[in-house]
Amino acid sequence: MEPCGFLPRVPKSPNRGDRDDMSDTGPNDDPVSLGLVKVKQCGLCAMEFEEHNLPGVVSFQAIANLRNKWGAGLPSSAAKLRSASARYSMVKLCAFCYQFFYDSAD
């Protein structure tokens, strides 16, 4: 079954037995591990997607504001992004997370 292009990428475990017995591909033939497909994280939910499936672009400041509004704050791994200049950097978002930044017509 071929995965849909807009769903997050779930890495296959070599122990799960997902391979067909008839296939000649090895465990290292994943297009991501070979560098054929670029994978990036969504700036808000941190799920991994293929780069072309991240249609939304917002500033890191918008993400920080939304996370503060939700009471989530910034993760400790984002300490380097707490500087004022880093708040203007652009961050890619998946289609689901991008809906939180749409202008409402109400």
Protein backbone atom coordinates (compact mmCIF):
# COMPACT_ATOMS: atom_id res chain seq x y z
CA MET A 1 0.00 0.00 0.00
CA GLU A 2 1.52 3.30 -1.13
CA PRO A 3 1.43 6.04 1.57
CA CYS A 4 -0.32 9.32 0.81
CA GLY A 5 1.98 12.24 0.10
CA PHE A 6 0.53 14.54 2.75
CA LEU A 7 0.78 12.23 5.74
CA PRO A 8 3.71 12.44 8.15
CA ARG A 9 6.60 10.13 7.49
CA VAL A 10 6.72 7.20 9.90
CA PRO A 11 10.10 5.46 9.87
CA LYS A 12 9.91 1.72 9.28
CA SER A 13 11.40 -0.50 11.91
CA PRO A 14 13.57 -3.30 10.52
CA ASN A 15 12.06 -5.68 13.09
CA ARG A 16 8.43 -5.19 12.06
CA GLY A 17 8.62 -7.34 8.95
CA ASP A 18 7.13 -4.72 6.61
CA ARG A 19 9.13 -6.03 3.68
CA ASP A 20 7.70 -8.44 1.17
CA ASP A 21 9.57 -11.71 0.87
CA MET A 22 9.80 -11.17 -2.89
CA SER A 23 11.44 -7.72 -2.69
CA ASP A 24 15.15 -7.30 -3.30
CA THR A 25 15.47 -4.03 -1.40
CA GLY A 26 17.61 -3.86 1.67
CA PRO A 27 16.94 -1.94 4.88
CA ASN A 28 19.10 0.98 3.67
CA ASP A 29 17.13 1.54 0.45
CA ASP A 30 14.83 4.11 2.07
CA PRO A 31 14.82 7.24 -0.17
CA VAL A 32 15.27 9.46 2.89
CA SER A 33 18.34 7.61 4.14
CA LEU A 34 19.79 7.72 0.61
CA GLY A 35 19.28 11.49 0.47
CA LEU A 36 16.82 11.35 -2.44
CA VAL A 37 13.98 12.89 -0.44
CA LYS A 38 14.39 15.85 1.90
CA VAL A 39 12.52 15.56 5.18
CA LYS A 40 11.92 18.51 7.52
CA GLN A 41 9.99 19.01 10.70
CA CYS A 42 6.88 21.15 10.93
CA GLY A 43 7.72 24.23 12.99
CA LEU A 44 4.69 23.85 15.25
CA CYS A 45 3.89 20.13 15.71
CA ALA A 46 7.45 18.86 15.00
CA MET A 47 6.18 15.96 12.85
CA GLU A 48 8.48 14.98 9.98
CA PHE A 49 7.20 15.61 6.45
CA GLU A 50 8.73 15.61 3.01
CA GLU A 51 9.80 19.17 2.33
CA HIS A 52 7.32 19.75 -0.49
CA ASN A 53 4.47 18.86 1.90
CA LEU A 54 5.13 21.85 4.15
CA PRO A 55 3.10 24.55 2.37
CA GLY A 56 2.87 27.11 5.18
CA VAL A 57 5.54 29.66 6.05
CA VAL A 58 5.36 31.92 9.11
CA SER A 59 7.87 33.69 11.30
CA PHE A 60 9.20 32.01 14.40
CA GLN A 61 7.70 34.88 16.39
CA ALA A 62 4.19 33.86 15.25
CA ILE A 63 4.85 30.31 16.43
CA ALA A 64 6.21 31.55 19.78
CA ASN A 65 3.14 33.77 20.26
CA LEU A 66 0.74 30.92 19.52
CA ARG A 67 2.57 28.50 21.81
CA ASN A 68 2.53 31.10 24.61
CA LYS A 69 -1.19 31.65 24.02
CA TRP A 70 -1.72 27.90 24.40
CA GLY A 71 0.45 27.84 27.53
CA ALA A 72 3.03 25.58 25.92
CA GLY A 73 5.97 27.98 25.73
CA LEU A 74 9.11 27.13 23.81
CA PRO A 75 10.89 23.80 24.24
CA SER A 76 14.30 23.91 25.92
CA SER A 77 15.86 22.68 22.67
CA ALA A 78 14.83 25.99 21.07
CA ALA A 79 17.07 28.05 23.38
CA LYS A 80 19.07 29.40 20.44
CA LEU A 81 15.82 30.66 18.89
CA ARG A 82 15.03 32.84 21.91
CA SER A 83 17.22 35.66 20.60
CA ALA A 84 15.51 38.69 19.06
CA SER A 85 17.05 38.23 15.61
CA ALA A 86 16.03 34.58 15.41
CA ARG A 87 12.38 35.53 15.94
CA TYR A 88 12.30 36.85 12.36
CA SER A 89 13.46 33.59 10.78
CA MET A 90 10.89 31.84 8.59
CA VAL A 91 9.59 28.43 9.62
CA LYS A 92 7.74 25.91 7.44
CA LEU A 93 4.46 24.41 8.62
CA CYS A 94 2.36 21.42 7.63
CA ALA A 95 -1.12 22.06 6.25
CA PHE A 96 -2.79 21.15 9.56
CA CYS A 97 -0.74 23.57 11.66
CA TYR A 98 -0.95 26.30 9.03
CA GLN A 99 -4.71 26.51 9.61
CA PHE A 100 -4.03 28.20 12.96
CA PHE A 101 -2.45 31.14 11.14
CA TYR A 102 -5.11 31.73 8.46
CA ASP A 103 -6.83 35.10 8.54
CA SER A 104 -10.40 34.52 9.63
CA ALA A 105 -13.10 36.23 7.58
CA ASP A 106 -15.36 36.70 10.63
